[in-house]
């Protein structure tokens, strides 16, 4: 791309903060993200302990982002015995799903996209794995013999993993409260979501306040109910449109950041990324730079 083409692209992106431009833009970014993640299947790389779940988390980001995109287009809402089926924007679901996307990216950073030693990464992964298995032990009630057998195997693995993590030099750094949680409920992370966000490459100015907002909606806090009660659900409502634009742009940014983080980690994904046309790569890199701390 020459300078004139780059300037034109930047102008187009700066002008895309409206639903008519943002929806197709995000659609394209999601397709590009999926294209790059496909490199896992194409390259069939030899992965270390737990590294397979990078792909799972990246796919989760893409799928959840796609659901957000569809919600932003408006959904028909009908009431019994009424003919009207107005288009609404379900802002609550948009916020809850966006929170999930943010947390998926933070998990990628916490486990994989970081500069920690491989030993510490594996320690974190084992804590995460134990916690998942423990959660499944608690709520399963089934007569399916195959699934019951899996639960029994996982129960054994929980004990084996607990023995393994106790041999790690990082185990002694866990606080008393963390050890209690690990024994009783599991300890998926050794720090809070807020702490992870503060340490993230994601720009604090953009994501810190909106993450708190999205969390209020996820937990049905009173502030969320106030805002819902004061607002309107109609797709034509200006406030609904503005908040949806902000949400979609945040999703676009996170997908671009996840693409660049992934290709910076693996050559096979970088090779796949380079198959995308230069203009599209320039857009991805623009929004990545926009969304991360320098």
Protein backbone atom coordinates (compact mmCIF):
# COMPACT_ATOMS: atom_id res chain seq x y z
CA UNK A 1 0.00 0.00 0.00
CA UNK A 2 1.23 3.50 -0.77
CA UNK A 3 0.76 6.43 1.60
CA UNK A 4 -2.32 7.70 -0.20
CA UNK A 5 -4.03 4.32 0.14
CA UNK A 6 -3.11 4.14 3.82
CA UNK A 7 -4.53 7.60 4.50
CA UNK A 8 -7.74 6.70 2.69
CA UNK A 9 -8.04 3.51 4.74
CA UNK A 10 -7.51 5.41 7.99
CA UNK A 11 -10.19 7.93 7.04
CA UNK A 12 -12.61 5.10 6.24
CA UNK A 13 -11.93 3.41 9.58
CA UNK A 14 -12.28 6.67 11.51
CA UNK A 15 -15.64 7.17 9.78
CA UNK A 16 -16.87 3.65 10.55
CA UNK A 17 -18.26 4.39 14.01
CA UNK A 18 -21.86 3.92 12.94
CA UNK A 19 -23.90 0.75 12.65
CA UNK A 20 -24.17 0.74 8.86
CA UNK A 21 -20.36 0.75 8.52
CA UNK A 22 -19.40 -1.09 11.69
CA UNK A 23 -21.52 -4.20 11.16
CA UNK A 24 -19.90 -5.21 7.84
CA UNK A 25 -16.48 -4.18 9.16
CA UNK A 26 -16.81 -6.46 12.19
CA UNK A 27 -18.20 -9.23 10.00
CA UNK A 28 -15.02 -9.09 7.91
CA UNK A 29 -12.72 -9.01 10.94
CA UNK A 30 -14.44 -12.09 12.38
CA UNK A 31 -13.98 -13.95 9.10
CA UNK A 32 -10.30 -12.96 9.07
CA UNK A 33 -9.86 -14.05 12.68
CA UNK A 34 -11.43 -17.43 11.87
CA UNK A 35 -9.16 -17.70 8.81
CA UNK A 36 -6.06 -17.23 10.97
CA UNK A 37 -7.27 -19.61 13.69
CA UNK A 38 -7.78 -22.19 10.94
CA UNK A 39 -3.98 -22.40 10.82
CA UNK A 40 -4.19 -24.69 13.88
CA UNK A 41 -5.88 -27.27 11.65
CA UNK A 42 -3.71 -26.61 8.62
CA UNK A 43 -0.32 -26.65 10.35
CA UNK A 44 -1.10 -29.34 12.96
CA UNK A 45 1.63 -27.96 15.23
CA UNK A 46 3.14 -29.93 18.07
CA UNK A 47 1.69 -28.23 21.14
CA UNK A 48 2.77 -28.42 24.76
CA UNK A 49 0.72 -29.15 27.88
CA UNK A 50 -2.61 -27.32 27.74
CA UNK A 51 -1.76 -25.28 24.64
CA UNK A 52 -4.61 -26.79 22.66
CA UNK A 53 -7.03 -24.58 24.60
CA UNK A 54 -5.62 -21.46 22.96
CA UNK A 55 -7.57 -22.50 19.89
CA UNK A 56 -10.69 -23.14 21.98
CA UNK A 57 -10.54 -19.69 23.58
CA UNK A 58 -9.92 -17.99 20.23
CA UNK A 59 -12.92 -19.80 18.73
CA UNK A 60 -15.01 -18.80 21.76
CA UNK A 61 -14.10 -15.15 21.11
CA UNK A 62 -15.13 -15.47 17.46
CA UNK A 63 -18.42 -17.28 18.14
CA UNK A 64 -19.46 -14.96 20.97
CA UNK A 65 -18.52 -11.93 18.86
CA UNK A 66 -20.71 -13.31 16.09
CA UNK A 67 -23.67 -13.55 18.49
CA UNK A 68 -23.07 -9.93 19.53
CA UNK A 69 -23.00 -8.91 15.88
CA UNK A 70 -26.36 -10.57 15.21
CA UNK A 71 -27.96 -8.99 18.29
CA UNK A 72 -26.77 -5.56 17.15
CA UNK A 73 -28.82 -5.87 13.97
CA UNK A 74 -31.99 -5.86 16.06
CA UNK A 75 -34.35 -8.72 16.86
CA UNK A 76 -38.10 -8.92 16.41
CA UNK A 77 -40.08 -8.87 19.61
CA UNK A 78 -43.70 -9.92 19.71
CA UNK A 79 -46.39 -9.87 22.41
CA UNK A 80 -49.32 -12.28 22.50
CA UNK A 81 -52.39 -11.01 20.59
CA UNK A 82 -50.52 -8.04 19.10
CA UNK A 83 -49.60 -7.71 15.45
CA UNK A 84 -46.70 -5.35 15.99
CA UNK A 85 -43.24 -6.94 16.01
CA UNK A 86 -40.84 -4.05 16.65
CA UNK A 87 -37.09 -4.41 16.31
CA UNK A 88 -35.29 -4.15 19.63
CA UNK A 89 -31.67 -4.14 20.71
CA UNK A 90 -31.17 -6.36 23.73
CA UNK A 91 -28.53 -4.22 25.41
CA UNK A 92 -28.30 -6.47 28.47
CA UNK A 93 -27.31 -9.49 26.38
CA UNK A 94 -24.88 -7.38 24.35
CA UNK A 95 -23.12 -6.28 27.52
CA UNK A 96 -23.04 -9.74 29.11
CA UNK A 97 -21.63 -11.32 25.95
CA UNK A 98 -19.06 -8.55 25.55
CA UNK A 99 -17.90 -9.18 29.09
CA UNK A 100 -17.44 -12.83 28.14
CA UNK A 101 -15.28 -11.84 25.15
CA UNK A 102 -13.10 -9.62 27.33
CA UNK A 103 -12.66 -12.40 29.89
CA UNK A 104 -11.81 -14.92 27.17
CA UNK A 105 -9.03 -12.66 25.92
CA UNK A 106 -7.77 -12.05 29.46
CA UNK A 107 -7.67 -15.82 29.96
CA UNK A 108 -5.58 -16.17 26.81
CA UNK A 109 -3.15 -13.62 28.20
CA UNK A 110 -3.16 -15.16 31.66
CA UNK A 111 -2.36 -18.65 30.38
CA UNK A 112 -0.60 -18.24 27.03
CA UNK A 113 0.01 -14.77 25.60
CA UNK A 114 2.57 -13.69 28.17
CA UNK A 115 6.30 -13.67 28.93
CA UNK A 116 6.13 -16.10 31.85
CA UNK A 117 8.37 -19.14 32.05
CA UNK A 118 6.84 -22.30 30.63
CA UNK A 119 6.88 -23.78 34.15
CA UNK A 120 4.72 -20.95 35.50
CA UNK A 121 2.37 -21.18 32.54
CA UNK A 122 1.87 -24.89 33.23
CA UNK A 123 1.26 -24.15 36.93
CA UNK A 124 -1.47 -21.67 36.01
CA UNK A 125 -2.94 -24.09 33.50
CA UNK A 126 -3.07 -26.91 36.06
CA UNK A 127 -4.91 -24.66 38.54
CA UNK A 128 -7.35 -23.73 35.79
CA UNK A 129 -7.84 -27.38 34.81
CA UNK A 130 -8.38 -28.55 38.40
CA UNK A 131 -11.01 -25.85 38.91
CA UNK A 132 -12.92 -26.90 35.81
CA UNK A 133 -12.96 -30.53 36.84
CA UNK A 134 -14.04 -29.63 40.39
CA UNK A 135 -16.92 -27.52 39.10
CA UNK A 136 -18.18 -30.41 37.00
CA UNK A 137 -18.04 -32.78 39.98
CA UNK A 138 -20.52 -30.63 41.89
CA UNK A 139 -23.44 -30.29 39.52
CA UNK A 140 -23.55 -33.55 37.58
CA UNK A 141 -26.58 -35.77 38.15
CA UNK A 142 -26.97 -38.32 35.38
CA UNK A 143 -27.46 -42.01 34.76
CA UNK A 144 -25.35 -41.92 31.61
CA UNK A 145 -22.66 -44.50 32.31
CA UNK A 146 -20.16 -43.05 29.85
CA UNK A 147 -20.41 -39.61 31.42
CA UNK A 148 -20.27 -41.02 34.95
CA UNK A 149 -17.10 -42.86 33.99
CA UNK A 150 -15.62 -39.58 32.75
CA UNK A 151 -16.50 -37.87 36.03
CA UNK A 152 -14.78 -40.64 37.97
CA UNK A 153 -11.64 -40.32 35.83
CA UNK A 154 -11.65 -36.57 36.40
CA UNK A 155 -12.00 -37.09 40.15
CA UNK A 156 -8.79 -39.12 40.07
CA UNK A 157 -7.09 -36.53 37.87
CA UNK A 158 -8.01 -33.75 40.33
CA UNK A 159 -6.02 -35.51 43.04
CA UNK A 160 -3.10 -36.19 40.70
CA UNK A 161 -3.02 -32.56 39.56
CA UNK A 162 -3.10 -31.35 43.16
CA UNK A 163 -0.05 -33.49 43.86
CA UNK A 164 1.66 -32.07 40.77
CA UNK A 165 1.08 -28.41 41.61
CA UNK A 166 2.40 -28.94 45.14
CA UNK A 167 5.80 -29.75 43.60
CA UNK A 168 5.85 -26.43 41.73
CA UNK A 169 7.95 -23.56 43.14
CA UNK A 170 4.93 -21.31 42.52
CA UNK A 171 2.71 -23.28 44.92
CA UNK A 172 4.39 -21.73 47.97
CA UNK A 173 3.41 -18.26 46.68
CA UNK A 174 -0.30 -18.99 47.04
CA UNK A 175 -1.96 -17.21 49.95
CA UNK A 176 -3.86 -19.01 52.70
CA UNK A 177 -7.23 -17.94 51.30
CA UNK A 178 -6.22 -19.13 47.83
CA UNK A 179 -5.19 -22.53 49.20
CA UNK A 180 -8.56 -22.82 50.93
CA UNK A 181 -10.39 -22.01 47.71
CA UNK A 182 -8.25 -24.49 45.80
CA UNK A 183 -9.13 -27.29 48.21
CA UNK A 184 -12.85 -26.53 48.38
CA UNK A 185 -13.93 -24.99 45.09
CA UNK A 186 -10.92 -24.67 42.82
CA UNK A 187 -8.77 -21.67 41.97
CA UNK A 188 -9.07 -20.92 38.25
CA UNK A 189 -7.01 -17.71 38.51
CA UNK A 190 -4.56 -16.40 41.09
CA UNK A 191 -5.75 -12.82 40.54
CA UNK A 192 -9.06 -11.07 39.96
CA UNK A 193 -10.47 -10.11 36.57
CA UNK A 194 -9.84 -6.44 37.42
CA UNK A 195 -6.19 -7.18 38.18
CA UNK A 196 -5.85 -9.14 34.95
CA UNK A 197 -7.36 -6.23 33.03
CA UNK A 198 -4.94 -3.78 34.65
CA UNK A 199 -2.01 -5.99 33.63
CA UNK A 200 -3.39 -6.63 30.15
CA UNK A 201 -2.08 -5.14 26.93
CA UNK A 202 -5.64 -3.92 26.39
CA UNK A 203 -5.81 -0.16 26.84
CA UNK A 204 -7.09 0.63 30.33
CA UNK A 205 -8.72 3.90 29.22
CA UNK A 206 -10.94 1.98 26.81
CA UNK A 207 -11.78 -1.20 28.68
CA UNK A 208 -11.64 -0.62 32.45
CA UNK A 209 -14.87 1.37 32.84
CA UNK A 210 -16.87 -0.57 30.26
CA UNK A 211 -15.85 -3.87 31.86
CA UNK A 212 -17.28 -2.64 35.17
CA UNK A 213 -20.46 -1.59 33.37
CA UNK A 214 -20.79 -4.97 31.65
CA UNK A 215 -20.22 -6.75 34.97
CA UNK A 216 -23.03 -4.78 36.61
CA UNK A 217 -25.39 -6.05 33.94
CA UNK A 218 -24.13 -9.62 34.27
CA UNK A 219 -24.80 -9.56 38.02
CA UNK A 220 -28.14 -7.70 37.77
CA UNK A 221 -26.85 -4.90 39.99
CA UNK A 222 -29.24 -2.05 40.78
CA UNK A 223 -27.36 0.42 38.57
CA UNK A 224 -28.05 -1.84 35.60
CA UNK A 225 -31.74 -1.98 36.46
CA UNK A 226 -31.85 1.83 36.76
CA UNK A 227 -30.32 2.24 33.32
CA UNK A 228 -32.62 -0.36 31.79
CA UNK A 229 -35.67 1.27 33.38
CA UNK A 230 -34.66 4.71 32.13
CA UNK A 231 -33.72 3.58 28.64
CA UNK A 232 -35.59 2.24 25.64
CA UNK A 233 -35.17 -1.07 23.83
CA UNK A 234 -36.08 0.11 20.34
CA UNK A 235 -33.42 -0.21 17.65
CA UNK A 236 -34.31 3.31 16.50
CA UNK A 237 -33.53 4.82 19.91
CA UNK A 238 -30.44 7.03 19.64
CA UNK A 239 -28.99 5.97 23.01
CA UNK A 240 -29.37 2.30 22.09
CA UNK A 241 -27.60 2.96 18.81
CA UNK A 242 -24.73 4.85 20.43
CA UNK A 243 -24.09 2.20 23.08
CA UNK A 244 -24.27 -0.56 20.47
CA UNK A 245 -21.69 1.22 18.32
CA UNK A 246 -19.36 1.47 21.32
CA UNK A 247 -19.84 -2.20 22.14
CA UNK A 248 -19.28 -3.36 18.56
CA UNK A 249 -16.14 -1.29 18.24
CA UNK A 250 -14.78 -2.80 21.46
CA UNK A 251 -15.45 -6.24 20.00
CA UNK A 252 -13.71 -5.29 16.76
CA UNK A 253 -10.69 -4.08 18.71
CA UNK A 254 -10.43 -7.24 20.83
CA UNK A 255 -10.65 -9.48 17.77
CA UNK A 256 -7.88 -7.52 16.07
CA UNK A 257 -5.72 -7.63 19.21
CA UNK A 258 -6.28 -11.38 19.51
CA UNK A 259 -5.22 -11.89 15.88
CA UNK A 260 -1.98 -9.96 16.36
CA UNK A 261 -1.25 -11.64 19.70
CA UNK A 262 -1.72 -15.05 18.10
CA UNK A 263 0.46 -14.38 15.05
CA UNK A 264 3.20 -12.93 17.26
CA UNK A 265 3.34 -16.26 19.10
CA UNK A 266 3.38 -18.74 16.21
CA UNK A 267 5.04 -18.61 12.81
CA UNK A 268 2.42 -20.91 11.27
CA UNK A 269 -0.32 -18.43 12.20
CA UNK A 270 1.77 -15.50 10.90
CA UNK A 271 2.14 -17.31 7.56
CA UNK A 272 -1.64 -17.76 7.39
CA UNK A 273 -2.19 -14.12 8.32
CA UNK A 274 0.06 -12.99 5.46
CA UNK A 275 -2.39 -14.61 3.01
CA UNK A 276 -4.89 -11.88 3.91
CA UNK A 277 -4.72 -8.90 1.55
CA UNK A 278 -2.51 -6.00 2.60
CA UNK A 279 -5.35 -3.51 2.97
CA UNK A 280 -7.23 -5.78 5.40
CA UNK A 281 -4.04 -6.44 7.37
CA UNK A 282 -3.52 -2.70 7.66
CA UNK A 283 -7.02 -2.32 9.15
CA UNK A 284 -6.39 -5.14 11.65
CA UNK A 285 -3.08 -3.59 12.69
CA UNK A 286 -4.68 -0.15 13.00
CA UNK A 287 -7.34 -1.38 15.45
CA UNK A 288 -4.81 -3.50 17.30
CA UNK A 289 -2.64 -0.45 17.88
CA UNK A 290 -5.70 1.58 18.84
CA UNK A 291 -6.63 -0.94 21.53
CA UNK A 292 -3.35 -1.72 23.29
CA UNK A 293 -1.06 0.09 25.68
CA UNK A 294 2.14 1.40 24.11
